[in-house]
């Protein structure tokens, strides 16, 4: 199964155009405290299977982690469960490099 992805530039454009989407951060709480994308909902990957009910089925969901590995796992799970989800290519690290240089990198 190929994992649907979105680039940081496309997410930036989506946010600027105020296109409806839900941004889900699957990192751990300590990572979320270091830096985060404004408006992201924190659901650590290990908690995602139990917290699927918090995500609306009809929403366009963009998932991110640090570099894209954990979020790719999350997107596979979400797609298998019938959600429209995309993986943010390069994760928050790519976001910090190409979109928001004010974010701390780790």
PDB file of N, CA and C in Angstrom:
ATOM      1  N   UNK A   1       0.852  -1.188   0.000  1.00  0.00           N
ATOM      2  CA  UNK A   1       0.000   0.000   0.000  1.00  0.00           C
ATOM      3  C   UNK A   1       0.893   1.245   0.000  1.00  0.00           C
ATOM      4  N   UNK A   2       0.666   2.130  -0.958  1.00  0.00           N
ATOM      5  CA  UNK A   2       1.426   3.386  -0.949  1.00  0.00           C
ATOM      6  C   UNK A   2       0.757   4.353   0.034  1.00  0.00           C
ATOM      7  N   UNK A   3       1.593   5.135   0.682  1.00  0.00           N
ATOM      8  CA  UNK A   3       1.100   6.047   1.717  1.00  0.00           C
ATOM      9  C   UNK A   3       0.861   7.419   1.091  1.00  0.00           C
ATOM     10  N   UNK A   4      -0.361   7.931   1.173  1.00  0.00           N
ATOM     11  CA  UNK A   4      -0.628   9.271   0.644  1.00  0.00           C
ATOM     12  C   UNK A   4       0.202  10.306   1.413  1.00  0.00           C
ATOM     13  N   UNK A   5       0.824  11.218   0.681  1.00  0.00           N
ATOM     14  CA  UNK A   5       1.652  12.238   1.322  1.00  0.00           C
ATOM     15  C   UNK A   5       1.262  13.635   0.857  1.00  0.00           C
ATOM     16  N   UNK A   6       1.724  14.600   1.626  1.00  0.00           N
ATOM     17  CA  UNK A   6       1.550  16.005   1.295  1.00  0.00           C
ATOM     18  C   UNK A   6       2.870  16.701   1.638  1.00  0.00           C
ATOM     19  N   UNK A   7       3.277  17.645   0.830  1.00  0.00           N
ATOM     20  CA  UNK A   7       4.508  18.380   1.111  1.00  0.00           C
ATOM     21  C   UNK A   7       4.235  19.501   2.105  1.00  0.00           C
ATOM     22  N   UNK A   8       5.297  19.982   2.726  1.00  0.00           N
ATOM     23  CA  UNK A   8       5.119  21.095   3.665  1.00  0.00           C
ATOM     24  C   UNK A   8       4.621  22.339   2.928  1.00  0.00           C
ATOM     25  N   UNK A   9       5.049  22.514   1.681  1.00  0.00           N
ATOM     26  CA  UNK A   9       4.587  23.666   0.900  1.00  0.00           C
ATOM     27  C   UNK A   9       3.095  23.571   0.620  1.00  0.00           C
ATOM     28  N   UNK A  10       2.618  22.360   0.312  1.00  0.00           N
ATOM     29  CA  UNK A  10       1.181  22.178   0.056  1.00  0.00           C
ATOM     30  C   UNK A  10       0.354  22.365   1.332  1.00  0.00           C
ATOM     31  N   UNK A  11       0.885  21.907   2.466  1.00  0.00           N
ATOM     32  CA  UNK A  11       0.180  22.128   3.726  1.00  0.00           C
ATOM     33  C   UNK A  11       0.150  23.611   4.061  1.00  0.00           C
ATOM     34  N   UNK A  12       1.242  24.298   3.854  1.00  0.00           N
ATOM     35  CA  UNK A  12       1.287  25.744   4.103  1.00  0.00           C
ATOM     36  C   UNK A  12       0.220  26.449   3.273  1.00  0.00           C
ATOM     37  N   UNK A  13       0.140  26.097   1.991  1.00  0.00           N
ATOM     38  CA  UNK A  13      -0.860  26.701   1.098  1.00  0.00           C
ATOM     39  C   UNK A  13      -2.275  26.369   1.573  1.00  0.00           C
ATOM     40  N   UNK A  14      -2.495  25.129   1.972  1.00  0.00           N
ATOM     41  CA  UNK A  14      -3.808  24.697   2.466  1.00  0.00           C
ATOM     42  C   UNK A  14      -4.206  25.539   3.681  1.00  0.00           C
ATOM     43  N   UNK A  15      -3.250  25.762   4.579  1.00  0.00           N
ATOM     44  CA  UNK A  15      -3.528  26.545   5.784  1.00  0.00           C
ATOM     45  C   UNK A  15      -3.766  28.016   5.440  1.00  0.00           C
ATOM     46  N   UNK A  16      -2.986  28.554   4.520  1.00  0.00           N
ATOM     47  CA  UNK A  16      -3.171  29.952   4.110  1.00  0.00           C
ATOM     48  C   UNK A  16      -4.534  30.166   3.472  1.00  0.00           C
ATOM     49  N   UNK A  17      -4.980  29.175   2.707  1.00  0.00           N
ATOM     50  CA  UNK A  17      -6.286  29.263   2.036  1.00  0.00           C
ATOM     51  C   UNK A  17      -7.430  28.831   2.949  1.00  0.00           C
ATOM     52  N   UNK A  18      -7.080  28.480   4.187  1.00  0.00           N
ATOM     53  CA  UNK A  18      -8.058  28.069   5.192  1.00  0.00           C
ATOM     54  C   UNK A  18      -8.920  26.885   4.718  1.00  0.00           C
ATOM     55  N   UNK A  19      -8.294  25.967   3.976  1.00  0.00           N
ATOM     56  CA  UNK A  19      -8.998  24.760   3.554  1.00  0.00           C
ATOM     57  C   UNK A  19      -9.174  23.857   4.770  1.00  0.00           C
ATOM     58  N   UNK A  20     -10.367  23.316   4.949  1.00  0.00           N
ATOM     59  CA  UNK A  20     -10.629  22.496   6.137  1.00  0.00           C
ATOM     60  C   UNK A  20      -9.718  21.259   6.174  1.00  0.00           C
ATOM     61  N   UNK A  21      -9.108  21.059   7.310  1.00  0.00           N
ATOM     62  CA  UNK A  21      -8.274  19.885   7.546  1.00  0.00           C
ATOM     63  C   UNK A  21      -8.039  19.761   9.048  1.00  0.00           C
ATOM     64  N   UNK A  22      -7.614  18.597   9.444  1.00  0.00           N
ATOM     65  CA  UNK A  22      -7.248  18.346  10.830  1.00  0.00           C
ATOM     66  C   UNK A  22      -5.791  17.922  10.827  1.00  0.00           C
ATOM     67  N   UNK A  23      -4.960  18.645  11.560  1.00  0.00           N
ATOM     68  CA  UNK A  23      -3.542  18.328  11.659  1.00  0.00           C
ATOM     69  C   UNK A  23      -3.319  17.525  12.933  1.00  0.00           C
ATOM     70  N   UNK A  24      -2.788  16.316  12.790  1.00  0.00           N
ATOM     71  CA  UNK A  24      -2.569  15.430  13.923  1.00  0.00           C
ATOM     72  C   UNK A  24      -1.067  15.194  14.085  1.00  0.00           C
ATOM     73  N   UNK A  25      -0.588  15.428  15.297  1.00  0.00           N
ATOM     74  CA  UNK A  25       0.813  15.254  15.661  1.00  0.00           C
ATOM     75  C   UNK A  25       0.920  13.941  16.433  1.00  0.00           C
ATOM     76  N   UNK A  26       1.666  12.964  15.896  1.00  0.00           N
ATOM     77  CA  UNK A  26       1.761  11.657  16.548  1.00  0.00           C
ATOM     78  C   UNK A  26       3.073  11.487  17.329  1.00  0.00           C
ATOM     79  N   UNK A  27       3.756  12.596  17.609  1.00  0.00           N
ATOM     80  CA  UNK A  27       4.964  12.527  18.429  1.00  0.00           C
ATOM     81  C   UNK A  27       4.596  12.368  19.904  1.00  0.00           C
ATOM     82  N   UNK A  28       5.592  12.265  20.734  1.00  0.00           N
ATOM     83  CA  UNK A  28       5.392  12.144  22.173  1.00  0.00           C
ATOM     84  C   UNK A  28       5.224  13.536  22.794  1.00  0.00           C
ATOM     85  N   UNK A  29       4.579  13.617  23.974  1.00  0.00           N
ATOM     86  CA  UNK A  29       4.356  14.917  24.613  1.00  0.00           C
ATOM     87  C   UNK A  29       5.632  15.737  24.828  1.00  0.00           C
ATOM     88  N   UNK A  30       6.751  15.087  25.157  1.00  0.00           N
ATOM     89  CA  UNK A  30       7.993  15.846  25.365  1.00  0.00           C
ATOM     90  C   UNK A  30       8.480  16.473  24.061  1.00  0.00           C
ATOM     91  N   UNK A  31       8.255  15.811  22.931  1.00  0.00           N
ATOM     92  CA  UNK A  31       8.623  16.385  21.633  1.00  0.00           C
ATOM     93  C   UNK A  31       7.706  17.563  21.302  1.00  0.00           C
ATOM     94  N   UNK A  32       6.425  17.396  21.615  1.00  0.00           N
ATOM     95  CA  UNK A  32       5.427  18.438  21.365  1.00  0.00           C
ATOM     96  C   UNK A  32       5.776  19.710  22.132  1.00  0.00           C
ATOM     97  N   UNK A  33       6.369  19.555  23.324  1.00  0.00           N
ATOM     98  CA  UNK A  33       6.768  20.714  24.125  1.00  0.00           C
ATOM     99  C   UNK A  33       7.948  21.453  23.514  1.00  0.00           C
ATOM    100  N   UNK A  34       8.799  20.756  22.777  1.00  0.00           N
ATOM    101  CA  UNK A  34       9.962  21.391  22.138  1.00  0.00           C
ATOM    102  C   UNK A  34       9.507  22.324  21.026  1.00  0.00           C
ATOM    103  N   UNK A  35       8.624  21.834  20.181  1.00  0.00           N
ATOM    104  CA  UNK A  35       8.089  22.637  19.079  1.00  0.00           C
ATOM    105  C   UNK A  35       6.823  21.984  18.570  1.00  0.00           C
ATOM    106  N   UNK A  36       5.960  22.796  17.993  1.00  0.00           N
ATOM    107  CA  UNK A  36       4.716  22.272  17.436  1.00  0.00           C
ATOM    108  C   UNK A  36       4.189  23.212  16.358  1.00  0.00           C
ATOM    109  N   UNK A  37       3.396  22.647  15.474  1.00  0.00           N
ATOM    110  CA  UNK A  37       2.723  23.431  14.450  1.00  0.00           C
ATOM    111  C   UNK A  37       1.405  23.897  15.056  1.00  0.00           C
ATOM    112  N   UNK A  38       1.172  25.177  14.991  1.00  0.00           N
ATOM    113  CA  UNK A  38      -0.030  25.777  15.590  1.00  0.00           C
ATOM    114  C   UNK A  38      -1.290  25.035  15.133  1.00  0.00           C
ATOM    115  N   UNK A  39      -2.118  24.665  16.098  1.00  0.00           N
ATOM    116  CA  UNK A  39      -3.391  24.024  15.798  1.00  0.00           C
ATOM    117  C   UNK A  39      -3.349  22.512  15.698  1.00  0.00           C
ATOM    118  N   UNK A  40      -2.163  21.922  15.824  1.00  0.00           N
ATOM    119  CA  UNK A  40      -2.053  20.462  15.717  1.00  0.00           C
ATOM    120  C   UNK A  40      -2.635  19.786  16.955  1.00  0.00           C
ATOM    121  N   UNK A  41      -3.315  18.677  16.735  1.00  0.00           N
ATOM    122  CA  UNK A  41      -3.879  17.865  17.830  1.00  0.00           C
ATOM    123  C   UNK A  41      -2.874  16.769  18.151  1.00  0.00           C
ATOM    124  N   UNK A  42      -2.429  16.720  19.394  1.00  0.00           N
ATOM    125  CA  UNK A  42      -1.460  15.717  19.810  1.00  0.00           C
ATOM    126  C   UNK A  42      -2.159  14.401  20.148  1.00  0.00           C
ATOM    127  N   UNK A  43      -1.819  13.366  19.386  1.00  0.00           N
ATOM    128  CA  UNK A  43      -2.248  11.994  19.682  1.00  0.00           C
ATOM    129  C   UNK A  43      -1.025  11.116  19.425  1.00  0.00           C
ATOM    130  N   UNK A  44      -0.244  10.813  20.472  1.00  0.00           N
ATOM    131  CA  UNK A  44       0.933   9.976  20.264  1.00  0.00           C
ATOM    132  C   UNK A  44       0.585   8.682  19.529  1.00  0.00           C
ATOM    133  N   UNK A  45       1.481   8.230  18.659  1.00  0.00           N
ATOM    134  CA  UNK A  45       1.227   7.058  17.826  1.00  0.00           C
ATOM    135  C   UNK A  45       0.753   5.872  18.648  1.00  0.00           C
ATOM    136  N   UNK A  46       1.360   5.644  19.801  1.00  0.00           N
ATOM    137  CA  UNK A  46       0.987   4.489  20.634  1.00  0.00           C
ATOM    138  C   UNK A  46      -0.452   4.583  21.140  1.00  0.00           C
ATOM    139  N   UNK A  47      -1.016   5.788  21.187  1.00  0.00           N
ATOM    140  CA  UNK A  47      -2.389   5.979  21.668  1.00  0.00           C
ATOM    141  C   UNK A  47      -3.415   6.020  20.534  1.00  0.00           C
ATOM    142  N   UNK A  48      -2.949   6.143  19.320  1.00  0.00           N
ATOM    143  CA  UNK A  48      -3.858   6.355  18.183  1.00  0.00           C
ATOM    144  C   UNK A  48      -4.952   5.288  18.055  1.00  0.00           C
ATOM    145  N   UNK A  49      -4.630   3.985  18.141  1.00  0.00           N
ATOM    146  CA  UNK A  49      -5.708   2.993  17.974  1.00  0.00           C
ATOM    147  C   UNK A  49      -6.857   3.174  18.968  1.00  0.00           C
ATOM    148  N   UNK A  50      -6.550   3.593  20.187  1.00  0.00           N
ATOM    149  CA  UNK A  50      -7.592   3.773  21.202  1.00  0.00           C
ATOM    150  C   UNK A  50      -8.309   5.115  21.061  1.00  0.00           C
ATOM    151  N   UNK A  51      -7.728   6.044  20.314  1.00  0.00           N
ATOM    152  CA  UNK A  51      -8.292   7.392  20.240  1.00  0.00           C
ATOM    153  C   UNK A  51      -8.879   7.733  18.863  1.00  0.00           C
ATOM    154  N   UNK A  52      -9.099   6.730  18.034  1.00  0.00           N
ATOM    155  CA  UNK A  52      -9.652   6.974  16.699  1.00  0.00           C
ATOM    156  C   UNK A  52     -10.976   7.719  16.759  1.00  0.00           C
ATOM    157  N   UNK A  53     -11.758   7.498  17.805  1.00  0.00           N
ATOM    158  CA  UNK A  53     -13.057   8.140  17.944  1.00  0.00           C
ATOM    159  C   UNK A  53     -12.977   9.655  18.045  1.00  0.00           C
ATOM    160  N   UNK A  54     -11.797  10.191  18.320  1.00  0.00           N
ATOM    161  CA  UNK A  54     -11.611  11.644  18.393  1.00  0.00           C
ATOM    162  C   UNK A  54     -11.466  12.277  17.016  1.00  0.00           C
ATOM    163  N   UNK A  55     -11.325  11.449  15.997  1.00  0.00           N
ATOM    164  CA  UNK A  55     -11.092  11.960  14.649  1.00  0.00           C
ATOM    165  C   UNK A  55     -12.343  11.789  13.794  1.00  0.00           C
ATOM    166  N   UNK A  56     -12.828  12.884  13.195  1.00  0.00           N
ATOM    167  CA  UNK A  56     -14.021  12.778  12.345  1.00  0.00           C
ATOM    168  C   UNK A  56     -13.698  12.056  11.038  1.00  0.00           C
ATOM    169  N   UNK A  57     -14.540  11.111  10.679  1.00  0.00           N
ATOM    170  CA  UNK A  57     -14.311  10.299   9.471  1.00  0.00           C
ATOM    171  C   UNK A  57     -14.288  11.123   8.186  1.00  0.00           C
ATOM    172  N   UNK A  58     -15.075  12.167   8.097  1.00  0.00           N
ATOM    173  CA  UNK A  58     -15.151  12.914   6.848  1.00  0.00           C
ATOM    174  C   UNK A  58     -14.062  13.966   6.668  1.00  0.00           C
ATOM    175  N   UNK A  59     -13.263  14.190   7.677  1.00  0.00           N
ATOM    176  CA  UNK A  59     -12.259  15.265   7.619  1.00  0.00           C
ATOM    177  C   UNK A  59     -11.043  14.848   6.808  1.00  0.00           C
ATOM    178  N   UNK A  60     -10.399  15.825   6.194  1.00  0.00           N
ATOM    179  CA  UNK A  60      -9.095  15.586   5.583  1.00  0.00           C
ATOM    180  C   UNK A  60      -8.077  15.703   6.707  1.00  0.00           C
ATOM    181  N   UNK A  61      -7.356  14.631   6.947  1.00  0.00           N
ATOM    182  CA  UNK A  61      -6.416  14.574   8.063  1.00  0.00           C
ATOM    183  C   UNK A  61      -4.991  14.580   7.523  1.00  0.00           C
ATOM    184  N   UNK A  62      -4.168  15.469   8.081  1.00  0.00           N
ATOM    185  CA  UNK A  62      -2.741  15.498   7.778  1.00  0.00           C
ATOM    186  C   UNK A  62      -2.023  15.097   9.061  1.00  0.00           C
ATOM    187  N   UNK A  63      -1.152  14.097   8.955  1.00  0.00           N
ATOM    188  CA  UNK A  63      -0.468  13.560  10.125  1.00  0.00           C
ATOM    189  C   UNK A  63       1.017  13.871  10.019  1.00  0.00           C
ATOM    190  N   UNK A  64       1.597  14.295  11.153  1.00  0.00           N
ATOM    191  CA  UNK A  64       3.042  14.525  11.143  1.00  0.00           C
ATOM    192  C   UNK A  64       3.689  14.004  12.408  1.00  0.00           C
ATOM    193  N   UNK A  65       4.992  13.758  12.292  1.00  0.00           N
ATOM    194  CA  UNK A  65       5.824  13.409  13.436  1.00  0.00           C
ATOM    195  C   UNK A  65       7.121  14.207  13.274  1.00  0.00           C
ATOM    196  N   UNK A  66       8.233  13.674  13.710  1.00  0.00           N
ATOM    197  CA  UNK A  66       9.495  14.409  13.604  1.00  0.00           C
ATOM    198  C   UNK A  66      10.004  14.427  12.167  1.00  0.00           C
ATOM    199  N   UNK A  67      10.177  13.243  11.559  1.00  0.00           N
ATOM    200  CA  UNK A  67      10.695  13.164  10.192  1.00  0.00           C
ATOM    201  C   UNK A  67       9.765  12.464   9.207  1.00  0.00           C
ATOM    202  N   UNK A  68       8.727  11.776   9.671  1.00  0.00           N
ATOM    203  CA  UNK A  68       7.776  11.144   8.761  1.00  0.00           C
ATOM    204  C   UNK A  68       7.576   9.654   8.941  1.00  0.00           C
ATOM    205  N   UNK A  69       8.390   8.995   9.745  1.00  0.00           N
ATOM    206  CA  UNK A  69       8.253   7.548   9.923  1.00  0.00           C
ATOM    207  C   UNK A  69       7.042   7.132  10.734  1.00  0.00           C
ATOM    208  N   UNK A  70       6.896   7.719  11.907  1.00  0.00           N
ATOM    209  CA  UNK A  70       5.746   7.379  12.762  1.00  0.00           C
ATOM    210  C   UNK A  70       4.449   7.832  12.116  1.00  0.00           C
ATOM    211  N   UNK A  71       4.476   9.002  11.481  1.00  0.00           N
ATOM    212  CA  UNK A  71       3.246   9.485  10.847  1.00  0.00           C
ATOM    213  C   UNK A  71       2.860   8.603   9.662  1.00  0.00           C
ATOM    214  N   UNK A  72       3.838   8.016   8.980  1.00  0.00           N
ATOM    215  CA  UNK A  72       3.519   7.081   7.890  1.00  0.00           C
ATOM    216  C   UNK A  72       2.781   5.871   8.451  1.00  0.00           C
ATOM    217  N   UNK A  73       3.219   5.358   9.602  1.00  0.00           N
ATOM    218  CA  UNK A  73       2.515   4.244  10.253  1.00  0.00           C
ATOM    219  C   UNK A  73       1.089   4.661  10.619  1.00  0.00           C
ATOM    220  N   UNK A  74       0.951   5.873  11.145  1.00  0.00           N
ATOM    221  CA  UNK A  74      -0.372   6.376  11.537  1.00  0.00           C
ATOM    222  C   UNK A  74      -1.290   6.492  10.324  1.00  0.00           C
ATOM    223  N   UNK A  75      -0.764   7.004   9.213  1.00  0.00           N
ATOM    224  CA  UNK A  75      -1.574   7.160   7.997  1.00  0.00           C
ATOM    225  C   UNK A  75      -2.020   5.797   7.477  1.00  0.00           C
ATOM    226  N   UNK A  76      -1.129   4.800   7.524  1.00  0.00           N
ATOM    227  CA  UNK A  76      -1.534   3.452   7.098  1.00  0.00           C
ATOM    228  C   UNK A  76      -2.701   2.955   7.937  1.00  0.00           C
ATOM    229  N   UNK A  77      -2.611   3.119   9.251  1.00  0.00           N
ATOM    230  CA  UNK A  77      -3.697   2.696  10.144  1.00  0.00           C
ATOM    231  C   UNK A  77      -4.979   3.458   9.824  1.00  0.00           C
ATOM    232  N   UNK A  78      -4.870   4.774   9.703  1.00  0.00           N
ATOM    233  CA  UNK A  78      -6.064   5.590   9.446  1.00  0.00           C
ATOM    234  C   UNK A  78      -6.719   5.218   8.123  1.00  0.00           C
ATOM    235  N   UNK A  79      -5.923   5.035   7.087  1.00  0.00           N
ATOM    236  CA  UNK A  79      -6.485   4.666   5.783  1.00  0.00           C
ATOM    237  C   UNK A  79      -7.174   3.300   5.845  1.00  0.00           C
ATOM    238  N   UNK A  80      -6.570   2.360   6.575  1.00  0.00           N
ATOM    239  CA  UNK A  80      -7.189   1.035   6.739  1.00  0.00           C
ATOM    240  C   UNK A  80      -8.528   1.131   7.458  1.00  0.00           C
ATOM    241  N   UNK A  81      -8.683   2.136   8.312  1.00  0.00           N
ATOM    242  CA  UNK A  81      -9.912   2.318   9.080  1.00  0.00           C
ATOM    243  C   UNK A  81     -10.915   3.239   8.372  1.00  0.00           C
ATOM    244  N   UNK A  82     -10.595   3.662   7.141  1.00  0.00           N
ATOM    245  CA  UNK A  82     -11.544   4.437   6.356  1.00  0.00           C
ATOM    246  C   UNK A  82     -11.417   5.948   6.444  1.00  0.00           C
ATOM    247  N   UNK A  83     -10.317   6.428   7.015  1.00  0.00           N
ATOM    248  CA  UNK A  83     -10.090   7.872   7.104  1.00  0.00           C
ATOM    249  C   UNK A  83      -9.348   8.367   5.867  1.00  0.00           C
ATOM    250  N   UNK A  84      -9.554   9.639   5.531  1.00  0.00           N
ATOM    251  CA  UNK A  84      -8.801  10.289   4.455  1.00  0.00           C
ATOM    252  C   UNK A  84      -7.608  10.975   5.109  1.00  0.00           C
ATOM    253  N   UNK A  85      -6.451  10.320   5.077  1.00  0.00           N
ATOM    254  CA  UNK A  85      -5.276  10.836   5.777  1.00  0.00           C
ATOM    255  C   UNK A  85      -4.082  10.910   4.847  1.00  0.00           C
ATOM    256  N   UNK A  86      -3.220  11.907   5.117  1.00  0.00           N
ATOM    257  CA  UNK A  86      -1.975  12.084   4.361  1.00  0.00           C
ATOM    258  C   UNK A  86      -0.834  12.282   5.341  1.00  0.00           C
ATOM    259  N   UNK A  87       0.331  11.793   4.942  1.00  0.00           N
ATOM    260  CA  UNK A  87       1.542  11.942   5.728  1.00  0.00           C
ATOM    261  C   UNK A  87       2.266  13.222   5.315  1.00  0.00           C
ATOM    262  N   UNK A  88       2.663  14.031   6.290  1.00  0.00           N
ATOM    263  CA  UNK A  88       3.443  15.234   5.990  1.00  0.00           C
ATOM    264  C   UNK A  88       4.881  14.815   5.715  1.00  0.00           C
ATOM    265  N   UNK A  89       5.293  14.915   4.461  1.00  0.00           N
ATOM    266  CA  UNK A  89       6.633  14.496   4.046  1.00  0.00           C
ATOM    267  C   UNK A  89       7.702  15.290   4.806  1.00  0.00           C
ATOM    268  N   UNK A  90       8.602  14.570   5.464  1.00  0.00           N
ATOM    269  CA  UNK A  90       9.690  15.219   6.191  1.00  0.00           C
ATOM    270  C   UNK A  90       9.332  15.673   7.589  1.00  0.00           C
ATOM    271  N   UNK A  91       8.053  15.570   7.952  1.00  0.00           N
ATOM    272  CA  UNK A  91       7.608  15.897   9.295  1.00  0.00           C
ATOM    273  C   UNK A  91       7.833  17.339   9.716  1.00  0.00           C
ATOM    274  N   UNK A  92       7.802  17.545  11.033  1.00  0.00           N
ATOM    275  CA  UNK A  92       7.942  18.892  11.575  1.00  0.00           C
ATOM    276  C   UNK A  92       9.343  19.443  11.324  1.00  0.00           C
ATOM    277  N   UNK A  93      10.318  18.551  11.137  1.00  0.00           N
ATOM    278  CA  UNK A  93      11.671  19.018  10.840  1.00  0.00           C
ATOM    279  C   UNK A  93      11.690  19.733   9.494  1.00  0.00           C
ATOM    280  N   UNK A  94      11.016  19.173   8.507  1.00  0.00           N
ATOM    281  CA  UNK A  94      10.922  19.819   7.194  1.00  0.00           C
ATOM    282  C   UNK A  94      10.119  21.114   7.280  1.00  0.00           C
ATOM    283  N   UNK A  95       9.058  21.107   8.090  1.00  0.00           N
ATOM    284  CA  UNK A  95       8.253  22.318   8.303  1.00  0.00           C
ATOM    285  C   UNK A  95       9.144  23.439   8.867  1.00  0.00           C
ATOM    286  N   UNK A  96       9.972  23.084   9.857  1.00  0.00           N
ATOM    287  CA  UNK A  96      10.864  24.070  10.481  1.00  0.00           C
ATOM    288  C   UNK A  96      11.915  24.573   9.489  1.00  0.00           C
ATOM    289  N   UNK A  97      12.391  23.726   8.607  1.00  0.00           N
ATOM    290  CA  UNK A  97      13.411  24.122   7.617  1.00  0.00           C
ATOM    291  C   UNK A  97      12.841  24.982   6.495  1.00  0.00           C
ATOM    292  N   UNK A  98      11.642  24.656   6.033  1.00  0.00           N
ATOM    293  CA  UNK A  98      11.114  25.274   4.810  1.00  0.00           C
ATOM    294  C   UNK A  98       9.950  26.238   4.999  1.00  0.00           C
ATOM    295  N   UNK A  99       9.287  26.193   6.156  1.00  0.00           N
ATOM    296  CA  UNK A  99       8.092  27.021   6.345  1.00  0.00           C
ATOM    297  C   UNK A  99       8.216  27.963   7.541  1.00  0.00           C
ATOM    298  N   UNK A 100       8.574  27.429   8.697  1.00  0.00           N
ATOM    299  CA  UNK A 100       8.599  28.218   9.921  1.00  0.00           C
ATOM    300  C   UNK A 100       9.935  28.064  10.646  1.00  0.00           C
ATOM    301  N   UNK A 101      10.886  28.907  10.277  1.00  0.00           N
ATOM    302  CA  UNK A 101      12.238  28.814  10.839  1.00  0.00           C
ATOM    303  C   UNK A 101      12.290  29.195  12.318  1.00  0.00           C
ATOM    304  N   UNK A 102      11.190  29.725  12.862  1.00  0.00           N
ATOM    305  CA  UNK A 102      11.180  30.078  14.286  1.00  0.00           C
ATOM    306  C   UNK A 102      11.060  28.842  15.185  1.00  0.00           C
ATOM    307  N   UNK A 103      10.673  27.702  14.614  1.00  0.00           N
ATOM    308  CA  UNK A 103      10.512  26.493  15.411  1.00  0.00           C
ATOM    309  C   UNK A 103      11.869  25.902  15.779  1.00  0.00           C
ATOM    310  N   UNK A 104      11.961  25.421  17.005  1.00  0.00           N
ATOM    311  CA  UNK A 104      13.178  24.750  17.455  1.00  0.00           C
ATOM    312  C   UNK A 104      13.326  23.420  16.698  1.00  0.00           C
ATOM    313  N   UNK A 105      14.547  23.089  16.333  1.00  0.00           N
ATOM    314  CA  UNK A 105      14.814  21.798  15.696  1.00  0.00           C
ATOM    315  C   UNK A 105      15.537  20.917  16.692  1.00  0.00           C
ATOM    316  N   UNK A 106      15.275  19.633  16.611  1.00  0.00           N
ATOM    317  CA  UNK A 106      15.927  18.698  17.538  1.00  0.00           C
ATOM    318  C   UNK A 106      16.283  17.417  16.836  1.00  0.00           C
TER     319      UNK A 106
END
